[in-house]
């Protein structure tokens, strides 16, 4: 197969203190990505502000915004100005009392090509998202763009092989994961190392099992807990791109903001799937129990 190369950019960044400052930083990063030849830019989860889900407060709903709205207009104009595809991540206000953690995709002409609402919603210490977000109701549907069919998923979705598989079965050419994940500073280093390794490993597994390139972009920096606990989250960065055999194509560092650029040969998925035909050999006649919560 002849190469079909797509240059992508992952914007790994920290919260800069305000929505305006964060969007200004994104505009700068997208401009740099465009100058470097990128045709697809992936932004981190909930990039407009801090990761507010460390606590439960009704005041945080003031951060939510409609889609379409001011942020989507700004991202649309940015995509159009630089003639590239942007995948953003917003706190969507769908109606009073109904909110989602939502990814939005804009094509190189600025058109809104599609929306994905996060399907798996965590409720863990420091990640209290069920208070804020209803589970997505748009399913696992790839979004068609001028650079290919994008299987966009969000953060906690990245631990579930079913989500990646369903995107692959619907014809996704890339798997993309905007992310906000980090360590509890109180954890020992050994536990931090295990968590980071697990996060990378499970996503490499999705790439391998589906024969698809995968992009994961994470926040970085320390964000203190909004309450008086004195704790917080150290977002570990470490954004990366892997190919359809799980091979690393590009990796960002841990502590600092970084614009990660990478060239992906989209034609390699066809080559890899010919020698590892997992979709051919799936026993779809024997998987009915996957629809059960547990096999007692």
Protein backbone atom coordinates (compact mmCIF):
# COMPACT_ATOMS: atom_id res chain seq x y z
CA UNK A 1 0.00 0.00 0.00
CA UNK A 2 1.29 3.46 -0.84
CA UNK A 3 1.63 5.81 2.15
CA UNK A 4 -1.23 8.16 3.02
CA UNK A 5 0.49 10.42 5.49
CA UNK A 6 -1.39 12.69 7.88
CA UNK A 7 0.48 15.12 10.11
CA UNK A 8 -1.27 15.53 13.46
CA UNK A 9 -0.69 17.77 16.47
CA UNK A 10 -1.59 17.10 20.11
CA UNK A 11 -1.84 20.16 22.37
CA UNK A 12 -0.75 19.05 25.86
CA UNK A 13 -1.29 22.01 28.17
CA UNK A 14 -2.02 23.15 31.72
CA UNK A 15 -4.89 25.27 32.95
CA UNK A 16 -3.86 28.90 32.53
CA UNK A 17 -6.33 30.39 34.98
CA UNK A 18 -9.25 31.49 32.83
CA UNK A 19 -11.30 30.50 29.82
CA UNK A 20 -9.89 33.41 27.84
CA UNK A 21 -6.28 32.56 28.69
CA UNK A 22 -6.81 28.91 27.81
CA UNK A 23 -8.43 29.70 24.46
CA UNK A 24 -5.67 32.20 23.67
CA UNK A 25 -3.06 29.51 24.35
CA UNK A 26 -4.99 27.11 22.11
CA UNK A 27 -5.04 29.68 19.31
CA UNK A 28 -1.28 30.08 19.56
CA UNK A 29 -0.70 26.31 19.59
CA UNK A 30 -3.00 25.73 16.62
CA UNK A 31 -1.16 28.42 14.68
CA UNK A 32 2.15 26.72 15.45
CA UNK A 33 0.72 23.36 14.43
CA UNK A 34 -0.52 24.78 11.14
CA UNK A 35 2.89 26.34 10.44
CA UNK A 36 4.45 22.91 11.00
CA UNK A 37 2.11 21.34 8.44
CA UNK A 38 -0.44 19.70 10.76
CA UNK A 39 -3.86 18.94 9.28
CA UNK A 40 -5.47 17.63 12.47
CA UNK A 41 -5.20 19.13 15.98
CA UNK A 42 -6.40 17.28 19.08
CA UNK A 43 -7.08 19.28 22.26
CA UNK A 44 -7.22 17.91 25.81
CA UNK A 45 -10.36 17.17 27.79
CA UNK A 46 -12.30 20.20 29.11
CA UNK A 47 -9.59 22.51 27.82
CA UNK A 48 -11.41 25.78 28.57
CA UNK A 49 -10.75 25.69 32.31
CA UNK A 50 -9.55 23.71 35.31
CA UNK A 51 -10.61 20.14 35.91
CA UNK A 52 -13.46 21.20 38.19
CA UNK A 53 -14.71 17.66 38.86
CA UNK A 54 -12.43 17.28 41.88
CA UNK A 55 -15.39 18.39 44.00
CA UNK A 56 -19.18 18.66 43.79
CA UNK A 57 -20.50 22.21 43.62
CA UNK A 58 -23.55 23.58 41.84
CA UNK A 59 -21.59 26.75 41.12
CA UNK A 60 -19.42 24.85 38.64
CA UNK A 61 -22.38 24.54 36.28
CA UNK A 62 -21.79 28.21 35.45
CA UNK A 63 -18.86 26.97 33.33
CA UNK A 64 -21.17 25.04 30.98
CA UNK A 65 -22.12 26.40 27.57
CA UNK A 66 -24.44 25.48 24.74
CA UNK A 67 -23.36 23.82 21.53
CA UNK A 68 -23.34 25.75 19.26
CA UNK A 69 -22.10 28.64 21.36
CA UNK A 70 -19.21 31.03 21.88
CA UNK A 71 -16.50 28.37 22.17
CA UNK A 72 -17.68 26.41 19.16
CA UNK A 73 -17.75 29.62 17.13
CA UNK A 74 -14.18 30.36 18.18
CA UNK A 75 -12.93 26.85 17.40
CA UNK A 76 -14.75 26.90 14.07
CA UNK A 77 -13.11 30.17 13.09
CA UNK A 78 -9.72 28.83 14.16
CA UNK A 79 -10.12 25.69 12.05
CA UNK A 80 -11.18 27.75 9.05
CA UNK A 81 -8.38 30.30 9.46
CA UNK A 82 -5.70 27.59 9.46
CA UNK A 83 -7.46 25.12 7.13
CA UNK A 84 -7.19 22.16 9.50
CA UNK A 85 -9.41 19.85 11.53
CA UNK A 86 -9.81 20.58 15.25
CA UNK A 87 -11.15 18.19 17.89
CA UNK A 88 -12.18 20.13 21.00
CA UNK A 89 -13.69 19.18 24.37
CA UNK A 90 -16.38 21.21 26.13
CA UNK A 91 -18.70 21.22 29.16
CA UNK A 92 -22.01 21.16 27.28
CA UNK A 93 -25.18 22.71 28.68
CA UNK A 94 -27.92 20.88 26.82
CA UNK A 95 -30.76 22.11 29.00
CA UNK A 96 -31.28 23.29 32.55
CA UNK A 97 -30.07 20.43 34.74
CA UNK A 98 -28.78 18.40 31.78
CA UNK A 99 -25.10 18.54 30.92
CA UNK A 100 -22.55 16.45 29.04
CA UNK A 101 -18.80 16.09 28.66
CA UNK A 102 -18.72 16.63 24.92
CA UNK A 103 -16.20 16.50 22.09
CA UNK A 104 -16.75 18.65 19.01
CA UNK A 105 -15.12 18.27 15.60
CA UNK A 106 -14.60 21.10 13.11
CA UNK A 107 -13.40 20.56 9.57
CA UNK A 108 -10.83 22.61 7.67
CA UNK A 109 -13.55 24.88 6.30
CA UNK A 110 -14.83 25.62 9.80
CA UNK A 111 -17.94 23.45 9.50
CA UNK A 112 -19.12 21.54 12.56
CA UNK A 113 -18.75 17.95 11.39
CA UNK A 114 -19.94 16.15 14.47
CA UNK A 115 -20.34 15.78 18.22
CA UNK A 116 -19.52 12.97 20.64
CA UNK A 117 -20.83 12.87 24.20
CA UNK A 118 -18.69 10.95 26.68
CA UNK A 119 -20.33 7.58 27.29
CA UNK A 120 -18.50 6.26 30.36
CA UNK A 121 -18.76 8.66 33.31
CA UNK A 122 -16.43 8.06 36.29
CA UNK A 123 -17.23 8.62 39.94
CA UNK A 124 -13.95 8.15 41.76
CA UNK A 125 -12.00 10.21 44.33
CA UNK A 126 -10.94 13.38 42.55
CA UNK A 127 -12.96 12.49 39.43
CA UNK A 128 -16.57 13.15 40.51
CA UNK A 129 -18.03 13.44 37.03
CA UNK A 130 -21.39 11.79 37.63
CA UNK A 131 -22.45 14.89 39.57
CA UNK A 132 -21.94 17.00 36.45
CA UNK A 133 -22.42 14.86 33.34
CA UNK A 134 -25.20 12.68 32.01
CA UNK A 135 -23.90 9.69 30.03
CA UNK A 136 -23.67 10.26 26.31
CA UNK A 137 -26.62 9.29 24.12
CA UNK A 138 -25.11 9.56 20.64
CA UNK A 139 -23.47 6.15 20.69
CA UNK A 140 -20.09 5.20 19.27
CA UNK A 141 -20.35 6.85 15.88
CA UNK A 142 -17.24 8.04 13.97
CA UNK A 143 -17.18 11.53 12.54
CA UNK A 144 -16.31 12.06 8.88
CA UNK A 145 -13.85 14.86 8.07
CA UNK A 146 -11.60 15.92 5.22
CA UNK A 147 -8.68 14.03 6.83
CA UNK A 148 -10.58 10.80 7.48
CA UNK A 149 -13.18 9.14 9.67
CA UNK A 150 -12.43 9.93 13.32
CA UNK A 151 -13.35 7.67 16.22
CA UNK A 152 -13.51 10.29 18.96
CA UNK A 153 -13.81 9.05 22.56
CA UNK A 154 -13.14 10.88 25.85
CA UNK A 155 -10.90 10.00 28.80
CA UNK A 156 -12.65 7.30 30.90
CA UNK A 157 -13.82 5.77 27.60
CA UNK A 158 -10.17 4.89 26.95
CA UNK A 159 -10.28 2.01 29.44
CA UNK A 160 -13.09 0.18 27.64
CA UNK A 161 -12.21 -2.10 24.71
CA UNK A 162 -15.87 -2.18 23.66
CA UNK A 163 -15.82 1.55 22.85
CA UNK A 164 -12.75 1.30 20.63
CA UNK A 165 -14.10 -1.84 18.95
CA UNK A 166 -17.45 -0.26 18.13
CA UNK A 167 -15.73 2.75 16.61
CA UNK A 168 -13.55 0.42 14.54
CA UNK A 169 -16.56 -1.61 13.41
CA UNK A 170 -18.18 1.63 12.22
CA UNK A 171 -15.18 2.39 10.02
CA UNK A 172 -13.08 4.73 12.16
CA UNK A 173 -9.61 5.32 10.68
CA UNK A 174 -8.15 6.89 13.83
CA UNK A 175 -8.97 6.60 17.55
CA UNK A 176 -8.70 9.90 19.44
CA UNK A 177 -8.86 10.39 23.22
CA UNK A 178 -8.97 13.88 24.78
CA UNK A 179 -7.96 13.20 28.39
CA UNK A 180 -7.61 14.62 31.90
CA UNK A 181 -5.87 12.08 34.11
CA UNK A 182 -3.27 12.37 36.81
CA UNK A 183 -1.95 11.21 40.15
CA UNK A 184 -3.06 11.75 43.72
CA UNK A 185 0.07 13.45 45.13
CA UNK A 186 -0.24 11.26 48.24
CA UNK A 187 0.29 8.05 46.28
CA UNK A 188 3.73 6.41 46.45
CA UNK A 189 5.87 6.57 43.35
CA UNK A 190 5.43 2.85 42.72
CA UNK A 191 1.65 3.31 42.47
CA UNK A 192 2.05 6.33 40.19
CA UNK A 193 4.29 4.30 37.89
CA UNK A 194 1.75 1.47 37.73
CA UNK A 195 -1.11 3.84 36.89
CA UNK A 196 0.77 5.56 34.09
CA UNK A 197 1.93 2.27 32.62
CA UNK A 198 -1.61 0.87 32.74
CA UNK A 199 -3.00 3.97 31.00
CA UNK A 200 -0.53 3.69 28.15
CA UNK A 201 -0.75 -0.09 27.89
CA UNK A 202 -4.53 -0.35 27.66
CA UNK A 203 -4.66 2.18 24.84
CA UNK A 204 -1.85 0.52 22.94
CA UNK A 205 -3.95 -2.62 23.24
CA UNK A 206 -6.92 -0.86 21.59
CA UNK A 207 -4.67 0.15 18.69
CA UNK A 208 -3.40 -3.42 18.29
CA UNK A 209 -6.79 -5.13 18.67
CA UNK A 210 -8.36 -2.87 16.05
CA UNK A 211 -5.41 -2.29 13.74
CA UNK A 212 -5.76 1.49 14.03
CA UNK A 213 -3.54 4.46 14.92
CA UNK A 214 -4.44 6.04 18.26
CA UNK A 215 -3.91 9.55 19.64
CA UNK A 216 -4.19 10.35 23.37
CA UNK A 217 -3.67 13.91 24.62
CA UNK A 218 -3.58 14.68 28.35
CA UNK A 219 -3.46 17.74 30.58
CA UNK A 220 -0.35 18.56 32.53
CA UNK A 221 0.45 20.55 35.67
CA UNK A 222 -0.84 20.48 39.25
CA UNK A 223 -4.40 21.59 40.01
CA UNK A 224 -5.21 22.01 43.69
CA UNK A 225 -8.49 20.66 45.01
CA UNK A 226 -11.12 23.45 45.23
CA UNK A 227 -12.04 22.40 48.77
CA UNK A 228 -9.94 22.64 51.94
CA UNK A 229 -8.50 19.12 51.74
CA UNK A 230 -5.10 20.38 50.61
CA UNK A 231 -4.96 17.69 47.94
CA UNK A 232 -5.31 17.92 44.21
CA UNK A 233 -4.29 16.20 40.99
CA UNK A 234 -0.90 16.19 39.29
CA UNK A 235 -1.86 15.65 35.66
CA UNK A 236 0.84 13.50 34.16
CA UNK A 237 0.90 14.68 30.55
CA UNK A 238 2.71 11.93 28.63
CA UNK A 239 0.50 12.38 25.56
CA UNK A 240 1.32 9.93 22.79
CA UNK A 241 0.56 8.57 19.33
CA UNK A 242 0.81 4.89 18.42
CA UNK A 243 0.41 3.03 15.16
CA UNK A 244 -1.84 0.06 14.34
CA UNK A 245 0.54 -2.42 15.97
CA UNK A 246 0.79 -0.35 19.12
CA UNK A 247 4.18 1.03 18.15
CA UNK A 248 5.07 4.45 19.52
CA UNK A 249 5.15 7.13 16.84
CA UNK A 250 5.50 10.13 19.17
CA UNK A 251 5.56 10.73 22.93
CA UNK A 252 5.38 13.92 24.99
CA UNK A 253 7.06 14.46 28.33
CA UNK A 254 5.39 14.59 31.72
CA UNK A 255 5.70 17.93 33.46
CA UNK A 256 5.40 20.67 30.83
CA UNK A 257 3.03 21.91 28.13
CA UNK A 258 4.06 20.57 24.75
CA UNK A 259 2.94 20.64 21.13
CA UNK A 260 3.43 17.06 19.96
CA UNK A 261 3.68 16.62 16.19
CA UNK A 262 3.53 13.28 14.42
CA UNK A 263 3.19 11.86 10.91
CA UNK A 264 0.79 8.92 10.60
CA UNK A 265 0.62 6.63 7.58
CA UNK A 266 -3.09 5.85 7.43
CA UNK A 267 -2.51 3.18 4.76
CA UNK A 268 -0.68 0.96 7.27
CA UNK A 269 -3.95 -0.11 8.86
CA UNK A 270 -4.86 -1.97 5.66
CA UNK A 271 -1.49 -3.70 5.61
CA UNK A 272 -1.62 -4.65 9.29
CA UNK A 273 -5.20 -5.92 9.13
CA UNK A 274 -4.28 -8.21 6.24
CA UNK A 275 -1.73 -10.06 8.39
CA UNK A 276 -3.66 -9.75 11.67
CA UNK A 277 -7.31 -10.17 10.57
CA UNK A 278 -8.93 -9.81 13.98
CA UNK A 279 -12.20 -8.56 12.50
CA UNK A 280 -12.42 -11.63 10.27
CA UNK A 281 -11.89 -14.10 13.10
CA UNK A 282 -14.21 -12.57 15.70
CA UNK A 283 -16.74 -15.12 16.99
CA UNK A 284 -19.72 -12.80 16.91
CA UNK A 285 -21.99 -15.82 17.37
CA UNK A 286 -20.51 -16.43 20.84
CA UNK A 287 -20.34 -12.94 22.35
CA UNK A 288 -23.94 -12.53 23.52
CA UNK A 289 -23.00 -12.46 27.19
CA UNK A 290 -21.06 -9.24 26.65
CA UNK A 291 -24.43 -7.53 26.98
CA UNK A 292 -24.69 -8.76 30.58
CA UNK A 293 -23.29 -6.86 33.56
CA UNK A 294 -21.69 -10.04 34.93
CA UNK A 295 -21.89 -13.80 34.39
CA UNK A 296 -23.09 -15.18 37.73
